[in-house]
C-alpha atoms as a PDB file:
ATOM      1  CA  MET A   1       0.000   0.000   0.000  1.00  0.00           C
ATOM      2  CA  ILE A   2       1.333   3.443  -0.959  1.00  0.00           C
ATOM      3  CA  SER A   3       1.883   5.644   2.067  1.00  0.00           C
ATOM      4  CA  LYS A   4       0.494   9.168   2.371  1.00  0.00           C
ATOM      5  CA  LYS A   5       4.070  10.444   2.338  1.00  0.00           C
ATOM      6  CA  TYR A   6       4.744   9.064  -1.164  1.00  0.00           C
ATOM      7  CA  LEU A   7       1.373  10.249  -2.432  1.00  0.00           C
ATOM      8  CA  LEU A   8       2.214  13.752  -1.231  1.00  0.00           C
ATOM      9  CA  ILE A   9       5.621  13.641  -2.955  1.00  0.00           C
ATOM     10  CA  PHE A  10       3.987  12.447  -6.195  1.00  0.00           C
ATOM     11  CA  PHE A  11       1.393  15.221  -5.975  1.00  0.00           C
ATOM     12  CA  LEU A  12       4.040  17.889  -5.391  1.00  0.00           C
ATOM     13  CA  LEU A  13       6.201  16.653  -8.271  1.00  0.00           C
ATOM     14  CA  SER A  14       3.197  16.572 -10.626  1.00  0.00           C
ATOM     15  CA  THR A  15       2.202  20.082  -9.597  1.00  0.00           C
ATOM     16  CA  PHE A  16       5.771  21.308 -10.127  1.00  0.00           C
ATOM     17  CA  SER A  17       5.934  19.719 -13.603  1.00  0.00           C
ATOM     18  CA  ILE A  18       2.657  21.349 -14.666  1.00  0.00           C
ATOM     19  CA  SER A  19       3.765  24.729 -13.315  1.00  0.00           C
ATOM     20  CA  SER A  20       7.153  24.415 -15.021  1.00  0.00           C
ATOM     21  CA  LEU A  21       5.511  23.573 -18.363  1.00  0.00           C
ATOM     22  CA  ALA A  22       3.133  26.525 -18.068  1.00  0.00           C
ATOM     23  CA  PHE A  23       6.090  28.786 -17.271  1.00  0.00           C
ATOM     24  CA  THR A  24       8.114  27.715 -20.339  1.00  0.00           C
ATOM     25  CA  GLU A  25       5.064  27.989 -22.599  1.00  0.00           C
ATOM     26  CA  ALA A  26       4.494  31.522 -21.303  1.00  0.00           C
ATOM     27  CA  LYS A  27       8.131  32.364 -22.055  1.00  0.00           C
ATOM     28  CA  LEU A  28       7.754  31.047 -25.599  1.00  0.00           C
ATOM     29  CA  GLU A  29       4.628  33.159 -26.129  1.00  0.00           C
ATOM     30  CA  ASN A  30       6.555  36.189 -24.880  1.00  0.00           C
ATOM     31  CA  ALA A  31       9.417  35.380 -27.264  1.00  0.00           C
ATOM     32  CA  LYS A  32       6.973  35.087 -30.177  1.00  0.00           C
ATOM     33  CA  GLU A  33       5.454  38.473 -29.360  1.00  0.00           C
ATOM     34  CA  LEU A  34       8.939  39.992 -29.336  1.00  0.00           C
ATOM     35  CA  TYR A  35       9.741  38.317 -32.666  1.00  0.00           C
ATOM     36  CA  TYR A  36       6.665  39.775 -34.358  1.00  0.00           C
ATOM     37  CA  ALA A  37       7.469  43.157 -32.827  1.00  0.00           C
ATOM     38  CA  GLY A  38      10.888  43.038 -34.491  1.00  0.00           C
ATOM     39  CA  GLU A  39      12.798  42.438 -31.249  1.00  0.00           C
ATOM     40  CA  THR A  40      14.562  39.376 -32.631  1.00  0.00           C
ATOM     41  CA  LYS A  41      17.629  39.588 -30.380  1.00  0.00           C
ATOM     42  CA  LYS A  42      15.549  39.536 -27.191  1.00  0.00           C
ATOM     43  CA  SER A  43      13.316  36.849 -28.666  1.00  0.00           C
ATOM     44  CA  LYS A  44      16.320  34.651 -29.446  1.00  0.00           C
ATOM     45  CA  GLU A  45      17.702  35.061 -25.913  1.00  0.00           C
ATOM     46  CA  ILE A  46      14.452  33.854 -24.373  1.00  0.00           C
ATOM     47  CA  ILE A  47      14.024  30.942 -26.777  1.00  0.00           C
ATOM     48  CA  SER A  48      17.617  29.816 -26.242  1.00  0.00           C
ATOM     49  CA  SER A  49      16.859  29.465 -22.529  1.00  0.00           C
ATOM     50  CA  ILE A  50      13.945  27.050 -23.063  1.00  0.00           C
ATOM     51  CA  LEU A  51      15.180  24.754 -25.854  1.00  0.00           C
ATOM     52  CA  GLY A  52      13.540  21.342 -25.742  1.00  0.00           C
ATOM     53  CA  CYS A  53      10.359  22.695 -24.215  1.00  0.00           C
ATOM     54  CA  CYS A  54       7.813  22.951 -26.946  1.00  0.00           C
ATOM     55  CA  ASP A  55       7.708  20.118 -29.513  1.00  0.00           C
ATOM     56  CA  GLY A  56       9.922  21.914 -32.009  1.00  0.00           C
ATOM     57  CA  GLU A  57       8.109  25.247 -32.102  1.00  0.00           C
ATOM     58  CA  GLU A  58      10.983  26.969 -30.310  1.00  0.00           C
ATOM     59  CA  TYR A  59      13.456  25.770 -32.983  1.00  0.00           C
ATOM     60  CA  TYR A  60      11.091  26.972 -35.707  1.00  0.00           C
ATOM     61  CA  TYR A  61      11.253  30.531 -34.391  1.00  0.00           C
ATOM     62  CA  LEU A  62      15.023  30.312 -34.046  1.00  0.00           C
ATOM     63  CA  ALA A  63      15.085  29.305 -37.725  1.00  0.00           C
ATOM     64  CA  LEU A  64      13.001  32.345 -38.669  1.00  0.00           C
ATOM     65  CA  ILE A  65      15.355  34.601 -36.722  1.00  0.00           C
ATOM     66  CA  SER A  66      18.378  32.988 -38.392  1.00  0.00           C
ATOM     67  CA  GLU A  67      16.802  33.682 -41.795  1.00  0.00           C
ATOM     68  CA  ILE A  68      16.404  37.345 -40.894  1.00  0.00           C
ATOM     69  CA  ASN A  69      20.066  37.416 -39.861  1.00  0.00           C
ATOM     70  CA  GLY A  70      21.093  35.825 -43.170  1.00  0.00           C
ATOM     71  CA  ASP A  71      22.470  32.658 -41.562  1.00  0.00           C
ATOM     72  CA  GLU A  72      21.298  29.895 -43.919  1.00  0.00           C
ATOM     73  CA  HIS A  73      23.229  27.112 -42.165  1.00  0.00           C
ATOM     74  CA  GLN A  74      21.774  27.872 -38.741  1.00  0.00           C
ATOM     75  CA  SER A  75      18.334  28.395 -40.213  1.00  0.00           C
ATOM     76  CA  PHE A  76      18.489  24.984 -41.897  1.00  0.00           C
ATOM     77  CA  SER A  77      19.716  23.329 -38.688  1.00  0.00           C
ATOM     78  CA  ASN A  78      16.848  24.802 -36.676  1.00  0.00           C
ATOM     79  CA  TYR A  79      14.198  23.968 -39.280  1.00  0.00           C
ATOM     80  CA  LYS A  80      15.514  20.399 -39.312  1.00  0.00           C
ATOM     81  CA  GLN A  81      15.374  20.146 -35.517  1.00  0.00           C
ATOM     82  CA  ALA A  82      11.844  21.560 -35.451  1.00  0.00           C
ATOM     83  CA  ALA A  83      10.629  19.229 -38.209  1.00  0.00           C
ATOM     84  CA  GLU A  84      12.235  16.166 -36.627  1.00  0.00           C
ATOM     85  CA  ASN A  85      10.492  17.089 -33.373  1.00  0.00           C
ATOM     86  CA  GLY A  86       7.205  16.939 -35.294  1.00  0.00           C
ATOM     87  CA  PHE A  87       6.394  20.646 -35.738  1.00  0.00           C
ATOM     88  CA  PRO A  88       4.484  20.761 -39.084  1.00  0.00           C
ATOM     89  CA  PRO A  89       5.127  24.422 -40.101  1.00  0.00           C
ATOM     90  CA  ALA A  90       8.874  23.674 -40.205  1.00  0.00           C
ATOM     91  CA  MET A  91       8.499  20.933 -42.814  1.00  0.00           C
ATOM     92  CA  PRO A  92       7.811  23.046 -45.954  1.00  0.00           C
ATOM     93  CA  PRO A  93      10.764  25.421 -45.358  1.00  0.00           C
ATOM     94  CA  LEU A  94      13.003  22.430 -44.593  1.00  0.00           C
ATOM     95  CA  SER A  95      11.871  20.889 -47.879  1.00  0.00           C
ATOM     96  CA  ARG A  96      12.703  24.159 -49.653  1.00  0.00           C
ATOM     97  CA  SER A  97      16.163  24.229 -48.048  1.00  0.00           C
ATOM     98  CA  TYR A  98      16.983  20.762 -49.362  1.00  0.00           C
ATOM     99  CA  ARG A  99      15.673  21.607 -52.824  1.00  0.00           C
ATOM    100  CA  LEU A 100      17.481  24.926 -53.220  1.00  0.00           C
ATOM    101  CA  GLY A 101      20.594  24.083 -51.209  1.00  0.00           C
ATOM    102  CA  LEU A 102      19.965  26.718 -48.535  1.00  0.00           C
ATOM    103  CA  GLY A 103      22.420  25.952 -45.755  1.00  0.00           C
ATOM    104  CA  VAL A 104      22.776  22.352 -46.913  1.00  0.00           C
ATOM    105  CA  LYS A 105      23.791  20.413 -50.017  1.00  0.00           C
ATOM    106  CA  VAL A 106      20.950  19.977 -52.523  1.00  0.00           C
ATOM    107  CA  ASN A 107      19.037  16.759 -51.856  1.00  0.00           C
ATOM    108  CA  ILE A 108      15.885  16.545 -53.952  1.00  0.00           C
ATOM    109  CA  ILE A 109      14.792  13.227 -52.448  1.00  0.00           C
ATOM    110  CA  LYS A 110      14.871  14.564 -48.878  1.00  0.00           C
ATOM    111  CA  SER A 111      13.118  17.695 -50.118  1.00  0.00           C
ATOM    112  CA  ILE A 112      10.218  15.654 -51.468  1.00  0.00           C
ATOM    113  CA  ASP A 113      10.254  13.406 -48.380  1.00  0.00           C
ATOM    114  CA  TRP A 114       9.577  16.378 -46.116  1.00  0.00           C
ATOM    115  CA  GLU A 115       6.985  17.859 -48.463  1.00  0.00           C
ATOM    116  CA  ARG A 116       5.101  14.553 -48.412  1.00  0.00           C
ATOM    117  CA  LYS A 117       5.347  14.277 -44.610  1.00  0.00           C
ATOM    118  CA  SER A 118       3.768  17.711 -44.361  1.00  0.00           C
ATOM    119  CA  LYS A 119       0.913  16.686 -46.668  1.00  0.00           C
ATOM    120  CA  LYS A 120       0.446  13.443 -44.731  1.00  0.00           C
ATOM    121  CA  ILE A 121      -0.135  15.430 -41.540  1.00  0.00           C
ATOM    122  CA  GLU A 122      -2.683  17.613 -43.354  1.00  0.00           C
ATOM    123  CA  ARG A 123      -4.428  14.484 -44.623  1.00  0.00           C
ATOM    124  CA  HIS A 124      -4.641  12.964 -41.143  1.00  0.00           C
ATOM    125  CA  ARG A 125      -5.992  16.221 -39.756  1.00  0.00           C
ATOM    126  CA  GLY A 126      -8.805  16.100 -42.299  1.00  0.00           C
ATOM    127  CA  VAL A 127      -8.102  19.536 -43.762  1.00  0.00           C
ATOM    128  CA  ASP A 128     -11.229  20.836 -45.502  1.00  0.00           C
ATOM    129  CA  ILE A 129     -10.438  22.142 -48.994  1.00  0.00           C
ATOM    130  CA  SER A 130     -13.008  23.749 -51.274  1.00  0.00           C
ATOM    131  CA  PHE A 131     -12.829  25.881 -54.422  1.00  0.00           C
ATOM    132  CA  ILE A 132     -15.060  28.823 -55.318  1.00  0.00           C
ATOM    133  CA  ASP A 133     -15.580  30.436 -58.717  1.00  0.00           C
ATOM    134  CA  SER A 134     -14.445  34.055 -58.322  1.00  0.00           C
ATOM    135  CA  LYS A 135     -17.004  35.238 -60.887  1.00  0.00           C
ATOM    136  CA  ASN A 136     -20.195  33.917 -59.296  1.00  0.00           C
ATOM    137  CA  ASN A 137     -19.051  32.578 -55.902  1.00  0.00           C
ATOM    138  CA  ALA A 138     -20.334  29.121 -56.837  1.00  0.00           C
ATOM    139  CA  PRO A 139     -18.438  26.010 -55.681  1.00  0.00           C
ATOM    140  CA  ILE A 140     -16.221  24.319 -58.278  1.00  0.00           C
ATOM    141  CA  ASP A 141     -15.773  20.560 -58.640  1.00  0.00           C
ATOM    142  CA  ILE A 142     -12.033  20.890 -59.166  1.00  0.00           C
ATOM    143  CA  LEU A 143     -11.525  17.142 -59.590  1.00  0.00           C
ATOM    144  CA  GLU A 144     -13.935  16.970 -62.525  1.00  0.00           C
ATOM    145  CA  LYS A 145     -12.383  20.108 -63.989  1.00  0.00           C
ATOM    146  CA  TRP A 146      -8.904  18.546 -64.074  1.00  0.00           C
ATOM    147  CA  LYS A 147     -10.239  15.207 -65.333  1.00  0.00           C
ATOM    148  CA  LYS A 148     -11.892  16.949 -68.275  1.00  0.00           C
ATOM    149  CA  LYS A 149      -8.742  18.886 -69.143  1.00  0.00           C
ATOM    150  CA  ALA A 150      -6.591  15.763 -68.765  1.00  0.00           C
ATOM    151  CA  LYS A 151      -8.733  13.958 -71.347  1.00  0.00           C
ATOM    152  CA  GLU A 152      -7.926  16.836 -73.697  1.00  0.00           C
ATOM    153  CA  GLY A 153      -4.204  16.124 -73.243  1.00  0.00           C
ATOM    154  CA  ASP A 154      -3.404  18.961 -70.840  1.00  0.00           C
ATOM    155  CA  ALA A 155      -0.085  18.215 -69.087  1.00  0.00           C
ATOM    156  CA  TYR A 156      -0.773  20.475 -66.111  1.00  0.00           C
ATOM    157  CA  ALA A 157      -4.189  18.851 -65.587  1.00  0.00           C
ATOM    158  CA  HIS A 158      -2.530  15.433 -65.381  1.00  0.00           C
ATOM    159  CA  TYR A 159      -0.054  16.864 -62.877  1.00  0.00           C
ATOM    160  CA  ARG A 160      -2.831  18.369 -60.732  1.00  0.00           C
ATOM    161  CA  LEU A 161      -4.712  15.056 -60.753  1.00  0.00           C
ATOM    162  CA  ALA A 162      -1.514  13.286 -59.731  1.00  0.00           C
ATOM    163  CA  LYS A 163      -1.099  15.664 -56.775  1.00  0.00           C
ATOM    164  CA  ILE A 164      -4.721  15.150 -55.732  1.00  0.00           C
ATOM    165  CA  TYR A 165      -4.356  11.362 -55.696  1.00  0.00           C
ATOM    166  CA  ASP A 166      -0.873  11.517 -54.186  1.00  0.00           C
ATOM    167  CA  GLU A 167      -1.766  13.850 -51.315  1.00  0.00           C
ATOM    168  CA  GLY A 168      -5.209  12.401 -50.659  1.00  0.00           C
ATOM    169  CA  LEU A 169      -6.679  15.770 -49.698  1.00  0.00           C
ATOM    170  CA  LEU A 170      -9.640  15.892 -52.114  1.00  0.00           C
ATOM    171  CA  GLU A 171      -9.898  12.177 -52.858  1.00  0.00           C
ATOM    172  CA  ASN A 172      -8.757   9.064 -51.032  1.00  0.00           C
ATOM    173  CA  GLN A 173      -5.047   8.596 -51.564  1.00  0.00           C
ATOM    174  CA  ASN A 174      -4.359   6.409 -54.605  1.00  0.00           C
ATOM    175  CA  LEU A 175      -0.641   6.192 -55.318  1.00  0.00           C
ATOM    176  CA  LEU A 176      -0.999   4.073 -58.453  1.00  0.00           C
ATOM    177  CA  LEU A 177      -3.326   6.633 -60.051  1.00  0.00           C
ATOM    178  CA  ALA A 178      -0.957   9.354 -58.871  1.00  0.00           C
ATOM    179  CA  PHE A 179       2.000   7.668 -60.573  1.00  0.00           C
ATOM    180  CA  ASN A 180       0.052   7.136 -63.801  1.00  0.00           C
ATOM    181  CA  HIS A 181      -0.862  10.820 -63.988  1.00  0.00           C
ATOM    182  CA  TYR A 182       2.660  11.945 -63.030  1.00  0.00           C
ATOM    183  CA  GLN A 183       4.047   9.767 -65.802  1.00  0.00           C
ATOM    184  CA  LYS A 184       1.541  11.044 -68.367  1.00  0.00           C
ATOM    185  CA  ALA A 185       2.172  14.675 -67.408  1.00  0.00           C
ATOM    186  CA  SER A 186       5.911  14.012 -67.617  1.00  0.00           C
ATOM    187  CA  GLU A 187       5.542  12.613 -71.129  1.00  0.00           C
ATOM    188  CA  LEU A 188       3.633  15.771 -72.052  1.00  0.00           C
ATOM    189  CA  GLY A 189       6.477  17.954 -70.784  1.00  0.00           C
ATOM    190  CA  ASN A 190       5.583  18.894 -67.192  1.00  0.00           C
ATOM    191  CA  VAL A 191       8.885  19.185 -65.293  1.00  0.00           C
ATOM    192  CA  GLU A 192       7.435  18.842 -61.775  1.00  0.00           C
ATOM    193  CA  ALA A 193       5.658  15.659 -62.858  1.00  0.00           C
ATOM    194  CA  LYS A 194       8.917  14.364 -64.297  1.00  0.00           C
ATOM    195  CA  LEU A 195      10.561  15.018 -60.947  1.00  0.00           C
ATOM    196  CA  MET A 196       7.866  13.073 -59.109  1.00  0.00           C
ATOM    197  CA  THR A 197       8.084  10.192 -61.587  1.00  0.00           C
ATOM    198  CA  GLY A 198      11.792   9.937 -60.791  1.00  0.00           C
ATOM    199  CA  TYR A 199      11.012  10.108 -57.070  1.00  0.00           C
ATOM    200  CA  PHE A 200       8.507   7.249 -57.289  1.00  0.00           C
ATOM    201  CA  TYR A 201      11.111   5.072 -59.042  1.00  0.00           C
ATOM    202  CA  CYS A 202      13.742   6.076 -56.475  1.00  0.00           C
ATOM    203  CA  LYS A 203      11.521   5.140 -53.531  1.00  0.00           C
ATOM    204  CA  GLY A 204       9.859   2.139 -55.144  1.00  0.00           C
ATOM    205  CA  ILE A 205       6.365   3.612 -54.775  1.00  0.00           C
ATOM    206  CA  THR A 206       3.892   1.477 -56.796  1.00  0.00           C
ATOM    207  CA  GLN A 207       6.839   0.456 -59.015  1.00  0.00           C
ATOM    208  CA  ASN A 208       9.886  -1.706 -58.412  1.00  0.00           C
ATOM    209  CA  LYS A 209      12.662   0.448 -56.965  1.00  0.00           C
ATOM    210  CA  ASN A 210      14.926   1.428 -59.849  1.00  0.00           C
ATOM    211  CA  LYS A 211      17.680   3.906 -58.967  1.00  0.00           C
ATOM    212  CA  ASP A 212      19.203   3.848 -62.454  1.00  0.00           C
ATOM    213  CA  LYS A 213      15.895   4.812 -64.027  1.00  0.00           C
ATOM    214  CA  ALA A 214      15.273   7.372 -61.292  1.00  0.00           C
ATOM    215  CA  ASN A 215      18.665   9.014 -61.791  1.00  0.00           C
ATOM    216  CA  LYS A 216      18.256   9.118 -65.553  1.00  0.00           C
ATOM    217  CA  ILE A 217      15.016  11.043 -65.068  1.00  0.00           C
ATOM    218  CA  LEU A 218      16.201  13.261 -62.204  1.00  0.00           C
ATOM    219  CA  SER A 219      19.563  14.226 -63.699  1.00  0.00           C
ATOM    220  CA  SER A 220      17.829  15.281 -66.922  1.00  0.00           C
ATOM    221  CA  ILE A 221      16.109  17.984 -64.860  1.00  0.00           C
ATOM    222  CA  GLN A 222      19.122  19.105 -62.834  1.00  0.00           C
ATOM    223  CA  LYS A 223      22.497  17.397 -62.593  1.00  0.00           C
ATOM    224  CA  ASP A 224      22.640  17.457 -58.782  1.00  0.00           C
ATOM    225  CA  PHE A 225      19.202  15.829 -58.432  1.00  0.00           C
ATOM    226  CA  ILE A 226      20.294  12.342 -57.368  1.00  0.00           C
ATOM    227  CA  CYS A 227      18.650   9.183 -56.047  1.00  0.00           C
ATOM    228  CA  LYS A 228      21.181   7.588 -53.674  1.00  0.00           C
END
């Protein structure tokens, strides 16, 4: 039987942990307010004192501050830490860093990896996406629109359909349909679709993994786009 003494100790420790968490969260909110007010130096000082507190959000703001200061390497490092800690807003800029070589060597595969992780989180959150005609404010069935244009041989329409099936935000995710549309759009000259076709071969998504085929496709877009 647990004694009253140990129950009291457990209660006090739990109370301290909750209070400590609330304190660090309050400090982060203060740091964010300073950041948006342009007081980046003070903001950075506060954030640096609470690293590891907030599921990656603190590293995300350090990355933003590093960008303002023109430090691409530190910005990349902080975006990476934030993304690896599971903070979704850090994933798109980390993807961009890998694609453009901002603070890190270009790695198109890691770039797409992080872009897809970001979309996966959106899909699991059930993000509601709708499209409205700007002329009459009527809803648009965007899926049918792209299907119609794809039948007419429109490369961009095939690419948009591929993204819809790949990301699973408007329709249930269907990677085989996504690959088919990426491949068709690629054949019609869409560069982004060509990139994704190479990625699917590199990762073995719906197709047998084929690095030689992937690299032939990727390097034709940019010589440092490599499937390792």
